[in-house]
Full PDB file with SEQRES, HELIX, SHEET, SSBOND, CRYST1, ORIGX, SCALE, CONECT and MASTER records, all heavy atoms in Angstrom:
SEQRES   1 A   39  LEU CYS ALA ASN ASP ALA TRP VAL ALA ARG LYS ASP LYS          
SEQRES   2 A   39  ASP TYR GLU ALA GLU ARG GLU ALA LYS PRO TRP THR PHE          
SEQRES   3 A   39  THR TYR GLN SER LEU HIS TYR ILE VAL PHE ALA LYS ARG          
HELIX    1 AA1 TYR A   15  ALA A   21  1                                   7    
SHEET    1 AA1 2 TRP A   7  LYS A  13  0                                        
SHEET    2 AA1 2 HIS A  32  ALA A  37 -1                                        
CRYST1    1.000    1.000    1.000  90.00  90.00  90.00 P 1           1          
ORIGX1      1.000000  0.000000  0.000000        0.00000                         
ORIGX2      0.000000  1.000000  0.000000        0.00000                         
ORIGX3      0.000000  0.000000  1.000000        0.00000                         
SCALE1      1.000000  0.000000  0.000000        0.00000                         
SCALE2      0.000000  1.000000  0.000000        0.00000                         
SCALE3      0.000000  0.000000  1.000000        0.00000                         
ATOM      1  N   LEU A   1     -21.618  77.129 -14.491  1.00  0.00           N  
ATOM      2  CA  LEU A   1     -20.676  78.053 -13.941  1.00  0.00           C  
ATOM      3  C   LEU A   1     -20.627  77.984 -12.412  1.00  0.00           C  
ATOM      4  O   LEU A   1     -19.579  77.773 -11.726  1.00  0.00           O  
ATOM      5  CB  LEU A   1     -20.987  79.496 -14.273  1.00  0.00           C  
ATOM      6  CG  LEU A   1     -20.071  80.554 -13.633  1.00  0.00           C  
ATOM      7  CD1 LEU A   1     -18.731  80.584 -14.449  1.00  0.00           C  
ATOM      8  CD2 LEU A   1     -20.710  82.000 -13.761  1.00  0.00           C  
ATOM      9  N   CYS A   2     -21.860  77.905 -11.722  1.00  0.00           N  
ATOM     10  CA  CYS A   2     -22.003  77.853 -10.333  1.00  0.00           C  
ATOM     11  C   CYS A   2     -21.652  76.375  -9.725  1.00  0.00           C  
ATOM     12  O   CYS A   2     -21.376  76.286  -8.552  1.00  0.00           O  
ATOM     13  CB  CYS A   2     -23.369  78.218  -9.894  1.00  0.00           C  
ATOM     14  SG  CYS A   2     -23.847  79.947 -10.187  1.00  0.00           S  
ATOM     15  N   ALA A   3     -21.715  75.431 -10.619  1.00  0.00           N  
ATOM     16  CA  ALA A   3     -21.438  74.069 -10.200  1.00  0.00           C  
ATOM     17  C   ALA A   3     -19.908  73.702 -10.188  1.00  0.00           C  
ATOM     18  O   ALA A   3     -19.545  72.686  -9.559  1.00  0.00           O  
ATOM     19  CB  ALA A   3     -22.163  73.017 -11.067  1.00  0.00           C  
ATOM     20  N   ASN A   4     -19.068  74.555 -10.731  1.00  0.00           N  
ATOM     21  CA  ASN A   4     -17.689  74.170 -10.797  1.00  0.00           C  
ATOM     22  C   ASN A   4     -16.981  74.317  -9.512  1.00  0.00           C  
ATOM     23  O   ASN A   4     -17.080  75.333  -8.774  1.00  0.00           O  
ATOM     24  CB  ASN A   4     -16.966  75.080 -11.896  1.00  0.00           C  
ATOM     25  CG  ASN A   4     -15.620  74.547 -12.349  1.00  0.00           C  
ATOM     26  OD1 ASN A   4     -14.704  74.491 -11.519  1.00  0.00           O  
ATOM     27  ND2 ASN A   4     -15.540  74.083 -13.566  1.00  0.00           N  
ATOM     28  N   ASP A   5     -16.167  73.355  -9.131  1.00  0.00           N  
ATOM     29  CA  ASP A   5     -15.530  73.277  -7.786  1.00  0.00           C  
ATOM     30  C   ASP A   5     -14.233  74.088  -7.760  1.00  0.00           C  
ATOM     31  O   ASP A   5     -13.612  74.179  -6.697  1.00  0.00           O  
ATOM     32  CB  ASP A   5     -15.346  71.787  -7.436  1.00  0.00           C  
ATOM     33  CG  ASP A   5     -14.892  71.643  -6.004  1.00  0.00           C  
ATOM     34  OD1 ASP A   5     -15.498  72.203  -5.039  1.00  0.00           O  
ATOM     35  OD2 ASP A   5     -13.816  71.082  -5.735  1.00  0.00           O  
ATOM     36  N   ALA A   6     -13.779  74.599  -8.875  1.00  0.00           N  
ATOM     37  CA  ALA A   6     -12.475  75.270  -8.979  1.00  0.00           C  
ATOM     38  C   ALA A   6     -12.640  76.683  -8.426  1.00  0.00           C  
ATOM     39  O   ALA A   6     -11.596  77.333  -8.168  1.00  0.00           O  
ATOM     40  CB  ALA A   6     -11.890  75.256 -10.383  1.00  0.00           C  
ATOM     41  N   TRP A   7     -13.847  77.177  -8.313  1.00  0.00           N  
ATOM     42  CA  TRP A   7     -13.982  78.562  -7.881  1.00  0.00           C  
ATOM     43  C   TRP A   7     -15.230  78.815  -7.074  1.00  0.00           C  
ATOM     44  O   TRP A   7     -16.124  77.927  -7.024  1.00  0.00           O  
ATOM     45  CB  TRP A   7     -14.021  79.495  -9.156  1.00  0.00           C  
ATOM     46  CG  TRP A   7     -15.116  79.150 -10.100  1.00  0.00           C  
ATOM     47  CD1 TRP A   7     -16.445  79.204 -10.024  1.00  0.00           C  
ATOM     48  CD2 TRP A   7     -14.777  78.675 -11.467  1.00  0.00           C  
ATOM     49  NE1 TRP A   7     -16.946  78.767 -11.250  1.00  0.00           N  
ATOM     50  CE2 TRP A   7     -16.061  78.446 -12.070  1.00  0.00           C  
ATOM     51  CE3 TRP A   7     -13.649  78.391 -12.188  1.00  0.00           C  
ATOM     52  CZ2 TRP A   7     -16.157  77.951 -13.429  1.00  0.00           C  
ATOM     53  CZ3 TRP A   7     -13.686  77.982 -13.476  1.00  0.00           C  
ATOM     54  CH2 TRP A   7     -14.999  77.705 -14.079  1.00  0.00           C  
ATOM     55  N   VAL A   8     -15.366  79.932  -6.453  1.00  0.00           N  
ATOM     56  CA  VAL A   8     -16.521  80.389  -5.731  1.00  0.00           C  
ATOM     57  C   VAL A   8     -17.164  81.462  -6.624  1.00  0.00           C  
ATOM     58  O   VAL A   8     -16.455  82.383  -7.021  1.00  0.00           O  
ATOM     59  CB  VAL A   8     -16.190  81.029  -4.375  1.00  0.00           C  
ATOM     60  CG1 VAL A   8     -17.458  81.548  -3.714  1.00  0.00           C  
ATOM     61  CG2 VAL A   8     -15.556  79.973  -3.511  1.00  0.00           C  
ATOM     62  N   ALA A   9     -18.474  81.255  -6.952  1.00  0.00           N  
ATOM     63  CA  ALA A   9     -19.110  82.242  -7.880  1.00  0.00           C  
ATOM     64  C   ALA A   9     -20.017  83.169  -7.059  1.00  0.00           C  
ATOM     65  O   ALA A   9     -20.829  82.694  -6.257  1.00  0.00           O  
ATOM     66  CB  ALA A   9     -19.985  81.335  -8.876  1.00  0.00           C  
ATOM     67  N   ARG A  10     -19.803  84.398  -7.319  1.00  0.00           N  
ATOM     68  CA  ARG A  10     -20.675  85.426  -6.582  1.00  0.00           C  
ATOM     69  C   ARG A  10     -21.412  86.214  -7.662  1.00  0.00           C  
ATOM     70  O   ARG A  10     -20.878  86.799  -8.539  1.00  0.00           O  
ATOM     71  CB  ARG A  10     -19.823  86.340  -5.776  1.00  0.00           C  
ATOM     72  CG  ARG A  10     -20.529  87.336  -4.916  1.00  0.00           C  
ATOM     73  CD  ARG A  10     -19.615  88.397  -4.343  1.00  0.00           C  
ATOM     74  NE  ARG A  10     -19.292  89.428  -5.416  1.00  0.00           N  
ATOM     75  CZ  ARG A  10     -18.220  90.243  -5.220  1.00  0.00           C  
ATOM     76  NH1 ARG A  10     -17.442  90.141  -4.104  1.00  0.00           N  
ATOM     77  NH2 ARG A  10     -17.918  91.162  -6.200  1.00  0.00           N  
ATOM     78  N   LYS A  11     -22.804  86.210  -7.526  1.00  0.00           N  
ATOM     79  CA  LYS A  11     -23.539  86.962  -8.534  1.00  0.00           C  
ATOM     80  C   LYS A  11     -23.353  88.470  -8.286  1.00  0.00           C  
ATOM     81  O   LYS A  11     -23.476  88.938  -7.136  1.00  0.00           O  
ATOM     82  CB  LYS A  11     -25.024  86.654  -8.361  1.00  0.00           C  
ATOM     83  CG  LYS A  11     -25.928  87.236  -9.498  1.00  0.00           C  
ATOM     84  CD  LYS A  11     -27.333  86.731  -9.363  1.00  0.00           C  
ATOM     85  CE  LYS A  11     -27.493  85.271  -9.723  1.00  0.00           C  
ATOM     86  NZ  LYS A  11     -28.902  84.843  -9.817  1.00  0.00           N  
ATOM     87  N   ASP A  12     -23.045  89.106  -9.403  1.00  0.00           N  
ATOM     88  CA  ASP A  12     -22.683  90.536  -9.332  1.00  0.00           C  
ATOM     89  C   ASP A  12     -23.783  91.431  -9.960  1.00  0.00           C  
ATOM     90  O   ASP A  12     -23.905  92.641  -9.604  1.00  0.00           O  
ATOM     91  CB  ASP A  12     -21.399  90.823 -10.020  1.00  0.00           C  
ATOM     92  CG  ASP A  12     -20.687  92.098  -9.463  1.00  0.00           C  
ATOM     93  OD1 ASP A  12     -20.644  92.223  -8.311  1.00  0.00           O  
ATOM     94  OD2 ASP A  12     -20.182  92.901 -10.322  1.00  0.00           O  
ATOM     95  N   LYS A  13     -24.531  90.892 -10.883  1.00  0.00           N  
ATOM     96  CA  LYS A  13     -25.621  91.544 -11.557  1.00  0.00           C  
ATOM     97  C   LYS A  13     -26.656  90.573 -12.144  1.00  0.00           C  
ATOM     98  O   LYS A  13     -26.199  89.648 -12.775  1.00  0.00           O  
ATOM     99  CB  LYS A  13     -25.144  92.529 -12.658  1.00  0.00           C  
ATOM    100  CG  LYS A  13     -26.234  93.229 -13.411  1.00  0.00           C  
ATOM    101  CD  LYS A  13     -25.594  94.141 -14.509  1.00  0.00           C  
ATOM    102  CE  LYS A  13     -26.664  94.817 -15.419  1.00  0.00           C  
ATOM    103  NZ  LYS A  13     -27.529  95.729 -14.655  1.00  0.00           N  
ATOM    104  N   ASP A  14     -27.889  90.727 -11.850  1.00  0.00           N  
ATOM    105  CA  ASP A  14     -28.904  89.792 -12.285  1.00  0.00           C  
ATOM    106  C   ASP A  14     -30.047  90.584 -13.036  1.00  0.00           C  
ATOM    107  O   ASP A  14     -30.815  91.189 -12.385  1.00  0.00           O  
ATOM    108  CB  ASP A  14     -29.461  89.000 -11.176  1.00  0.00           C  
ATOM    109  CG  ASP A  14     -30.382  87.831 -11.599  1.00  0.00           C  
ATOM    110  OD1 ASP A  14     -30.836  87.857 -12.807  1.00  0.00           O  
ATOM    111  OD2 ASP A  14     -30.670  86.960 -10.834  1.00  0.00           O  
ATOM    112  N   TYR A  15     -30.089  90.489 -14.340  1.00  0.00           N  
ATOM    113  CA  TYR A  15     -31.046  91.389 -15.046  1.00  0.00           C  
ATOM    114  C   TYR A  15     -32.527  90.910 -14.798  1.00  0.00           C  
ATOM    115  O   TYR A  15     -33.437  91.680 -14.758  1.00  0.00           O  
ATOM    116  CB  TYR A  15     -30.754  91.341 -16.501  1.00  0.00           C  
ATOM    117  CG  TYR A  15     -30.929  90.086 -17.245  1.00  0.00           C  
ATOM    118  CD1 TYR A  15     -32.182  89.740 -17.805  1.00  0.00           C  
ATOM    119  CD2 TYR A  15     -29.882  89.242 -17.480  1.00  0.00           C  
ATOM    120  CE1 TYR A  15     -32.332  88.514 -18.512  1.00  0.00           C  
ATOM    121  CE2 TYR A  15     -30.064  88.061 -18.223  1.00  0.00           C  
ATOM    122  CZ  TYR A  15     -31.264  87.689 -18.701  1.00  0.00           C  
ATOM    123  OH  TYR A  15     -31.415  86.487 -19.395  1.00  0.00           O  
ATOM    124  N   GLU A  16     -32.680  89.570 -14.441  1.00  0.00           N  
ATOM    125  CA  GLU A  16     -34.048  89.104 -14.226  1.00  0.00           C  
ATOM    126  C   GLU A  16     -34.554  89.621 -12.894  1.00  0.00           C  
ATOM    127  O   GLU A  16     -35.676  90.030 -12.708  1.00  0.00           O  
ATOM    128  CB  GLU A  16     -34.121  87.612 -14.242  1.00  0.00           C  
ATOM    129  CG  GLU A  16     -33.944  87.002 -15.655  1.00  0.00           C  
ATOM    130  CD  GLU A  16     -34.194  85.482 -15.693  1.00  0.00           C  
ATOM    131  OE1 GLU A  16     -33.943  84.839 -14.683  1.00  0.00           O  
ATOM    132  OE2 GLU A  16     -34.509  85.028 -16.713  1.00  0.00           O  
ATOM    133  N   ALA A  17     -33.603  89.653 -11.927  1.00  0.00           N  
ATOM    134  CA  ALA A  17     -34.028  90.193 -10.613  1.00  0.00           C  
ATOM    135  C   ALA A  17     -34.321  91.716 -10.691  1.00  0.00           C  
ATOM    136  O   ALA A  17     -35.192  92.230 -10.074  1.00  0.00           O  
ATOM    137  CB  ALA A  17     -32.881  89.956  -9.580  1.00  0.00           C  
ATOM    138  N   GLU A  18     -33.388  92.441 -11.541  1.00  0.00           N  
ATOM    139  CA  GLU A  18     -33.671  93.829 -11.707  1.00  0.00           C  
ATOM    140  C   GLU A  18     -34.973  94.116 -12.441  1.00  0.00           C  
ATOM    141  O   GLU A  18     -35.722  95.093 -12.167  1.00  0.00           O  
ATOM    142  CB  GLU A  18     -32.498  94.474 -12.495  1.00  0.00           C  
ATOM    143  CG  GLU A  18     -31.207  94.476 -11.774  1.00  0.00           C  
ATOM    144  CD  GLU A  18     -30.078  95.005 -12.591  1.00  0.00           C  
ATOM    145  OE1 GLU A  18     -30.243  95.230 -13.788  1.00  0.00           O  
ATOM    146  OE2 GLU A  18     -28.918  95.071 -12.031  1.00  0.00           O  
ATOM    147  N   ARG A  19     -35.341  93.235 -13.364  1.00  0.00           N  
ATOM    148  CA  ARG A  19     -36.612  93.437 -14.011  1.00  0.00           C  
ATOM    149  C   ARG A  19     -37.746  93.211 -13.127  1.00  0.00           C  
ATOM    150  O   ARG A  19     -38.776  93.933 -13.249  1.00  0.00           O  
ATOM    151  CB  ARG A  19     -36.728  92.377 -15.204  1.00  0.00           C  
ATOM    152  CG  ARG A  19     -37.859  92.403 -16.125  1.00  0.00           C  
ATOM    153  CD  ARG A  19     -37.923  91.218 -16.988  1.00  0.00           C  
ATOM    154  NE  ARG A  19     -36.734  91.077 -17.782  1.00  0.00           N  
ATOM    155  CZ  ARG A  19     -36.497  90.024 -18.628  1.00  0.00           C  
ATOM    156  NH1 ARG A  19     -37.481  89.090 -18.770  1.00  0.00           N  
ATOM    157  NH2 ARG A  19     -35.384  89.978 -19.301  1.00  0.00           N  
ATOM    158  N   GLU A  20     -37.718  92.262 -12.211  1.00  0.00           N  
ATOM    159  CA  GLU A  20     -38.761  92.091 -11.234  1.00  0.00           C  
ATOM    160  C   GLU A  20     -38.863  93.222 -10.295  1.00  0.00           C  
ATOM    161  O   GLU A  20     -39.978  93.630  -9.854  1.00  0.00           O  
ATOM    162  CB  GLU A  20     -38.529  90.775 -10.481  1.00  0.00           C  
ATOM    163  CG  GLU A  20     -38.728  89.458 -11.301  1.00  0.00           C  
ATOM    164  CD  GLU A  20     -38.481  88.236 -10.493  1.00  0.00           C  
ATOM    165  OE1 GLU A  20     -38.303  88.368  -9.211  1.00  0.00           O  
ATOM    166  OE2 GLU A  20     -38.518  87.124 -11.083  1.00  0.00           O  
ATOM    167  N   ALA A  21     -37.699  93.813  -9.889  1.00  0.00           N  
ATOM    168  CA  ALA A  21     -37.730  94.952  -8.916  1.00  0.00           C  
ATOM    169  C   ALA A  21     -38.219  96.184  -9.557  1.00  0.00           C  
ATOM    170  O   ALA A  21     -38.922  96.955  -8.908  1.00  0.00           O  
ATOM    171  CB  ALA A  21     -36.276  95.219  -8.449  1.00  0.00           C  
ATOM    172  N   LYS A  22     -37.961  96.402 -10.886  1.00  0.00           N  
ATOM    173  CA  LYS A  22     -38.346  97.618 -11.587  1.00  0.00           C  
ATOM    174  C   LYS A  22     -39.006  97.248 -12.960  1.00  0.00           C  
ATOM    175  O   LYS A  22     -38.377  97.386 -14.003  1.00  0.00           O  
ATOM    176  CB  LYS A  22     -37.220  98.527 -11.851  1.00  0.00           C  
ATOM    177  CG  LYS A  22     -36.614  99.031 -10.537  1.00  0.00           C  
ATOM    178  CD  LYS A  22     -35.504 100.008 -10.885  1.00  0.00           C  
ATOM    179  CE  LYS A  22     -34.829 100.625  -9.605  1.00  0.00           C  
ATOM    180  NZ  LYS A  22     -33.721 101.521  -9.855  1.00  0.00           N  
ATOM    181  N   PRO A  23     -40.166  96.610 -12.926  1.00  0.00           N  
ATOM    182  CA  PRO A  23     -40.839  96.143 -14.141  1.00  0.00           C  
ATOM    183  C   PRO A  23     -41.119  97.232 -15.169  1.00  0.00           C  
ATOM    184  O   PRO A  23     -41.336  96.893 -16.373  1.00  0.00           O  
ATOM    185  CB  PRO A  23     -42.089  95.468 -13.622  1.00  0.00           C  
ATOM    186  CG  PRO A  23     -42.405  96.116 -12.358  1.00  0.00           C  
ATOM    187  CD  PRO A  23     -41.068  96.502 -11.700  1.00  0.00           C  
ATOM    188  N   TRP A  24     -41.085  98.449 -14.814  1.00  0.00           N  
ATOM    189  CA  TRP A  24     -41.347  99.590 -15.747  1.00  0.00           C  
ATOM    190  C   TRP A  24     -40.105 100.134 -16.452  1.00  0.00           C  
ATOM    191  O   TRP A  24     -40.186 100.882 -17.335  1.00  0.00           O  
ATOM    192  CB  TRP A  24     -42.028 100.708 -14.962  1.00  0.00           C  
ATOM    193  CG  TRP A  24     -41.112 101.181 -13.855  1.00  0.00           C  
ATOM    194  CD1 TRP A  24     -40.113 102.072 -13.912  1.00  0.00           C  
ATOM    195  CD2 TRP A  24     -41.193 100.798 -12.494  1.00  0.00           C  
ATOM    196  NE1 TRP A  24     -39.529 102.300 -12.724  1.00  0.00           N  
ATOM    197  CE2 TRP A  24     -40.205 101.502 -11.753  1.00  0.00           C  
ATOM    198  CE3 TRP A  24     -41.990  99.852 -11.783  1.00  0.00           C  
ATOM    199  CZ2 TRP A  24     -39.981 101.222 -10.434  1.00  0.00           C  
ATOM    200  CZ3 TRP A  24     -41.743  99.699 -10.469  1.00  0.00           C  
ATOM    201  CH2 TRP A  24     -40.789 100.395  -9.804  1.00  0.00           C  
ATOM    202  N   THR A  25     -38.981  99.491 -16.069  1.00  0.00           N  
ATOM    203  CA  THR A  25     -37.655 100.058 -16.585  1.00  0.00           C  
ATOM    204  C   THR A  25     -37.096  99.074 -17.647  1.00  0.00           C  
ATOM    205  O   THR A  25     -37.041  97.853 -17.389  1.00  0.00           O  
ATOM    206  CB  THR A  25     -36.661 100.195 -15.507  1.00  0.00           C  
ATOM    207  OG1 THR A  25     -37.206 101.166 -14.524  1.00  0.00           O  
ATOM    208  CG2 THR A  25     -35.403 100.790 -15.935  1.00  0.00           C  
ATOM    209  N   PHE A  26     -36.604  99.641 -18.794  1.00  0.00           N  
ATOM    210  CA  PHE A  26     -35.949  98.890 -19.784  1.00  0.00           C  
ATOM    211  C   PHE A  26     -34.578  99.377 -19.948  1.00  0.00           C  
ATOM    212  O   PHE A  26     -34.390 100.462 -20.521  1.00  0.00           O  
ATOM    213  CB  PHE A  26     -36.663  98.889 -21.143  1.00  0.00           C  
ATOM    214  CG  PHE A  26     -38.056  98.253 -21.006  1.00  0.00           C  
ATOM    215  CD1 PHE A  26     -39.220  99.056 -20.741  1.00  0.00           C  
ATOM    216  CD2 PHE A  26     -38.196  96.931 -21.285  1.00  0.00           C  
ATOM    217  CE1 PHE A  26     -40.457  98.454 -20.673  1.00  0.00           C  
ATOM    218  CE2 PHE A  26     -39.493  96.288 -21.218  1.00  0.00           C  
ATOM    219  CZ  PHE A  26     -40.582  97.074 -20.920  1.00  0.00           C  
ATOM    220  N   THR A  27     -33.581  98.636 -19.465  1.00  0.00           N  
ATOM    221  CA  THR A  27     -32.209  99.218 -19.423  1.00  0.00           C  
ATOM    222  C   THR A  27     -31.263  98.041 -19.767  1.00  0.00           C  
ATOM    223  O   THR A  27     -31.655  96.895 -20.037  1.00  0.00           O  
ATOM    224  CB  THR A  27     -31.914  99.857 -18.155  1.00  0.00           C  
ATOM    225  OG1 THR A  27     -30.574 100.458 -18.212  1.00  0.00           O  
ATOM    226  CG2 THR A  27     -31.850  98.896 -16.947  1.00  0.00           C  
ATOM    227  N   TYR A  28     -29.918  98.330 -19.734  1.00  0.00           N  
ATOM    228  CA  TYR A  28     -28.899  97.335 -19.966  1.00  0.00           C  
ATOM    229  C   TYR A  28     -29.190  95.989 -19.235  1.00  0.00           C  
ATOM    230  O   TYR A  28     -29.334  96.049 -18.140  1.00  0.00           O  
ATOM    231  CB  TYR A  28     -27.530  97.968 -19.566  1.00  0.00           C  
ATOM    232  CG  TYR A  28     -26.390  97.034 -19.532  1.00  0.00           C  
ATOM    233  CD1 TYR A  28     -25.769  96.536 -20.686  1.00  0.00           C  
ATOM    234  CD2 TYR A  28     -25.916  96.603 -18.357  1.00  0.00           C  
ATOM    235  CE1 TYR A  28     -24.726  95.640 -20.569  1.00  0.00           C  
ATOM    236  CE2 TYR A  28     -24.817  95.725 -18.233  1.00  0.00           C  
ATOM    237  CZ  TYR A  28     -24.244  95.252 -19.377  1.00  0.00           C  
ATOM    238  OH  TYR A  28     -23.219  94.416 -19.354  1.00  0.00           O  
ATOM    239  N   GLN A  29     -29.028  94.918 -19.992  1.00  0.00           N  
ATOM    240  CA  GLN A  29     -29.295  93.615 -19.485  1.00  0.00           C  
ATOM    241  C   GLN A  29     -28.124  92.695 -19.643  1.00  0.00           C  
ATOM    242  O   GLN A  29     -27.602  92.494 -20.799  1.00  0.00           O  
ATOM    243  CB  GLN A  29     -30.542  93.003 -20.048  1.00  0.00           C  
ATOM    244  CG  GLN A  29     -31.780  93.680 -19.652  1.00  0.00           C  
ATOM    245  CD  GLN A  29     -33.058  92.902 -20.078  1.00  0.00           C  
ATOM    246  OE1 GLN A  29     -33.002  91.936 -20.860  1.00  0.00           O  
ATOM    247  NE2 GLN A  29     -34.222  93.396 -19.672  1.00  0.00           N  
ATOM    248  N   SER A  30     -27.605  92.023 -18.613  1.00  0.00           N  
ATOM    249  CA  SER A  30     -26.627  91.053 -18.704  1.00  0.00           C  
ATOM    250  C   SER A  30     -26.481  90.430 -17.329  1.00  0.00           C  
ATOM    251  O   SER A  30     -26.730  91.037 -16.249  1.00  0.00           O  
ATOM    252  CB  SER A  30     -25.255  91.687 -19.033  1.00  0.00           C  
ATOM    253  OG  SER A  30     -24.331  90.739 -19.327  1.00  0.00           O  
ATOM    254  N   LEU A  31     -26.209  89.160 -17.242  1.00  0.00           N  
ATOM    255  CA  LEU A  31     -26.020  88.431 -16.012  1.00  0.00           C  
ATOM    256  C   LEU A  31     -24.479  88.387 -15.748  1.00  0.00           C  
ATOM    257  O   LEU A  31     -23.731  87.912 -16.563  1.00  0.00           O  
ATOM    258  CB  LEU A  31     -26.574  87.026 -16.161  1.00  0.00           C  
ATOM    259  CG  LEU A  31     -26.465  86.125 -14.898  1.00  0.00           C  
ATOM    260  CD1 LEU A  31     -27.232  86.635 -13.756  1.00  0.00           C  
ATOM    261  CD2 LEU A  31     -26.952  84.714 -15.269  1.00  0.00           C  
ATOM    262  N   HIS A  32     -24.132  88.957 -14.557  1.00  0.00           N  
ATOM    263  CA  HIS A  32     -22.733  89.052 -14.249  1.00  0.00           C  
ATOM    264  C   HIS A  32     -22.456  88.204 -13.016  1.00  0.00           C  
ATOM    265  O   HIS A  32     -23.216  88.222 -11.996  1.00  0.00           O  
ATOM    266  CB  HIS A  32     -22.329  90.582 -13.895  1.00  0.00           C  
ATOM    267  CG  HIS A  32     -22.320  91.432 -15.129  1.00  0.00           C  
ATOM    268  ND1 HIS A  32     -21.727  92.670 -15.144  1.00  0.00           N  
ATOM    269  CD2 HIS A  32     -22.866  91.336 -16.283  1.00  0.00           C  
ATOM    270  CE1 HIS A  32     -21.824  93.181 -16.304  1.00  0.00           C  
ATOM    271  NE2 HIS A  32     -22.596  92.470 -16.982  1.00  0.00           N  
ATOM    272  N   TYR A  33     -21.347  87.537 -13.053  1.00  0.00           N  
ATOM    273  CA  TYR A  33     -20.821  86.786 -11.817  1.00  0.00           C  
ATOM    274  C   TYR A  33     -19.304  87.202 -11.775  1.00  0.00           C  
ATOM    275  O   TYR A  33     -18.657  87.539 -12.685  1.00  0.00           O  
ATOM    276  CB  TYR A  33     -20.825  85.295 -12.131  1.00  0.00           C  
ATOM    277  CG  TYR A  33     -22.164  84.649 -11.637  1.00  0.00           C  
ATOM    278  CD1 TYR A  33     -23.209  84.629 -12.542  1.00  0.00           C  
ATOM    279  CD2 TYR A  33     -22.284  84.139 -10.303  1.00  0.00           C  
ATOM    280  CE1 TYR A  33     -24.410  84.026 -12.138  1.00  0.00           C  
ATOM    281  CE2 TYR A  33     -23.523  83.583  -9.943  1.00  0.00           C  
ATOM    282  CZ  TYR A  33     -24.606  83.556 -10.846  1.00  0.00           C  
ATOM    283  OH  TYR A  33     -25.712  82.934 -10.380  1.00  0.00           O  
ATOM    284  N   ILE A  34     -18.817  87.058 -10.529  1.00  0.00           N  
ATOM    285  CA  ILE A  34     -17.441  87.141 -10.292  1.00  0.00           C  
ATOM    286  C   ILE A  34     -17.014  85.817  -9.700  1.00  0.00           C  
ATOM    287  O   ILE A  34     -17.576  85.259  -8.722  1.00  0.00           O  
ATOM    288  CB  ILE A  34     -16.989  88.250  -9.233  1.00  0.00           C  
ATOM    289  CG1 ILE A  34     -17.569  89.646  -9.650  1.00  0.00           C  
ATOM    290  CG2 ILE A  34     -15.502  88.319  -9.081  1.00  0.00           C  
ATOM    291  CD1 ILE A  34     -17.066  90.172 -10.981  1.00  0.00           C  
ATOM    292  N   VAL A  35     -16.052  85.134 -10.268  1.00  0.00           N  
ATOM    293  CA  VAL A  35     -15.611  83.811  -9.810  1.00  0.00           C  
ATOM    294  C   VAL A  35     -14.230  83.978  -9.206  1.00  0.00           C  
ATOM    295  O   VAL A  35     -13.343  84.558  -9.833  1.00  0.00           O  
ATOM    296  CB  VAL A  35     -15.688  82.737 -10.857  1.00  0.00           C  
ATOM    297  CG1 VAL A  35     -17.101  82.538 -11.406  1.00  0.00           C  
ATOM    298  CG2 VAL A  35     -14.766  83.039 -12.104  1.00  0.00           C  
ATOM    299  N   PHE A  36     -14.024  83.503  -7.996  1.00  0.00           N  
ATOM    300  CA  PHE A  36     -12.835  83.534  -7.232  1.00  0.00           C  
ATOM    301  C   PHE A  36     -12.158  82.184  -7.166  1.00  0.00           C  
ATOM    302  O   PHE A  36     -12.862  81.270  -6.747  1.00  0.00           O  
ATOM    303  CB  PHE A  36     -12.945  84.191  -5.872  1.00  0.00           C  
ATOM    304  CG  PHE A  36     -13.619  85.513  -5.829  1.00  0.00           C  
ATOM    305  CD1 PHE A  36     -14.943  85.727  -5.818  1.00  0.00           C  
ATOM    306  CD2 PHE A  36     -12.813  86.665  -5.787  1.00  0.00           C  
ATOM    307  CE1 PHE A  36     -15.545  87.039  -5.825  1.00  0.00           C  
ATOM    308  CE2 PHE A  36     -13.353  87.931  -5.739  1.00  0.00           C  
ATOM    309  CZ  PHE A  36     -14.673  88.115  -5.804  1.00  0.00           C  
ATOM    310  N   ALA A  37     -10.893  82.048  -7.514  1.00  0.00           N  
ATOM    311  CA  ALA A  37     -10.239  80.837  -7.428  1.00  0.00           C  
ATOM    312  C   ALA A  37     -10.257  80.236  -6.047  1.00  0.00           C  
ATOM    313  O   ALA A  37      -9.834  80.988  -5.051  1.00  0.00           O  
ATOM    314  CB  ALA A  37      -8.731  80.851  -7.934  1.00  0.00           C  
ATOM    315  N   LYS A  38     -10.708  79.071  -5.868  1.00  0.00           N  
ATOM    316  CA  LYS A  38     -10.792  78.410  -4.491  1.00  0.00           C  
ATOM    317  C   LYS A  38      -9.351  78.149  -3.935  1.00  0.00           C  
ATOM    318  O   LYS A  38      -9.121  78.230  -2.804  1.00  0.00           O  
ATOM    319  CB  LYS A  38     -11.527  77.111  -4.543  1.00  0.00           C  
ATOM    320  CG  LYS A  38     -13.061  77.289  -4.314  1.00  0.00           C  
ATOM    321  CD  LYS A  38     -13.703  75.880  -4.205  1.00  0.00           C  
ATOM    322  CE  LYS A  38     -15.190  76.088  -3.981  1.00  0.00           C  
ATOM    323  NZ  LYS A  38     -15.809  74.735  -3.787  1.00  0.00           N  
ATOM    324  N   ARG A  39      -8.465  77.742  -4.894  1.00  0.00           N  
ATOM    325  CA  ARG A  39      -7.163  77.410  -4.450  1.00  0.00           C  
ATOM    326  C   ARG A  39      -6.181  77.778  -5.590  1.00  0.00           C  
ATOM    327  O   ARG A  39      -6.661  78.240  -6.670  1.00  0.00           O  
ATOM    328  CB  ARG A  39      -7.073  75.878  -4.204  1.00  0.00           C  
ATOM    329  CG  ARG A  39      -7.475  75.084  -5.446  1.00  0.00           C  
ATOM    330  CD  ARG A  39      -7.674  73.635  -5.181  1.00  0.00           C  
ATOM    331  NE  ARG A  39      -8.924  73.413  -4.393  1.00  0.00           N  
ATOM    332  CZ  ARG A  39     -10.160  73.255  -5.017  1.00  0.00           C  
ATOM    333  NH1 ARG A  39     -10.156  73.236  -6.384  1.00  0.00           N  
ATOM    334  NH2 ARG A  39     -11.173  73.059  -4.372  1.00  0.00           N  
TER     335      ARG A  39                                                      
MASTER        0    0    0    1    2    0    0    6  334    1    0    3          
END                                                                             
């Protein structure tokens, strides 16, 4: 997804980062990106 040249990918939610920040919390998990058309 991040390697595609047709868009710019911005990470919107990272469950692994959230897990590291709050290791005691178990909640909704999903990796979210927003991709914007470059042209």
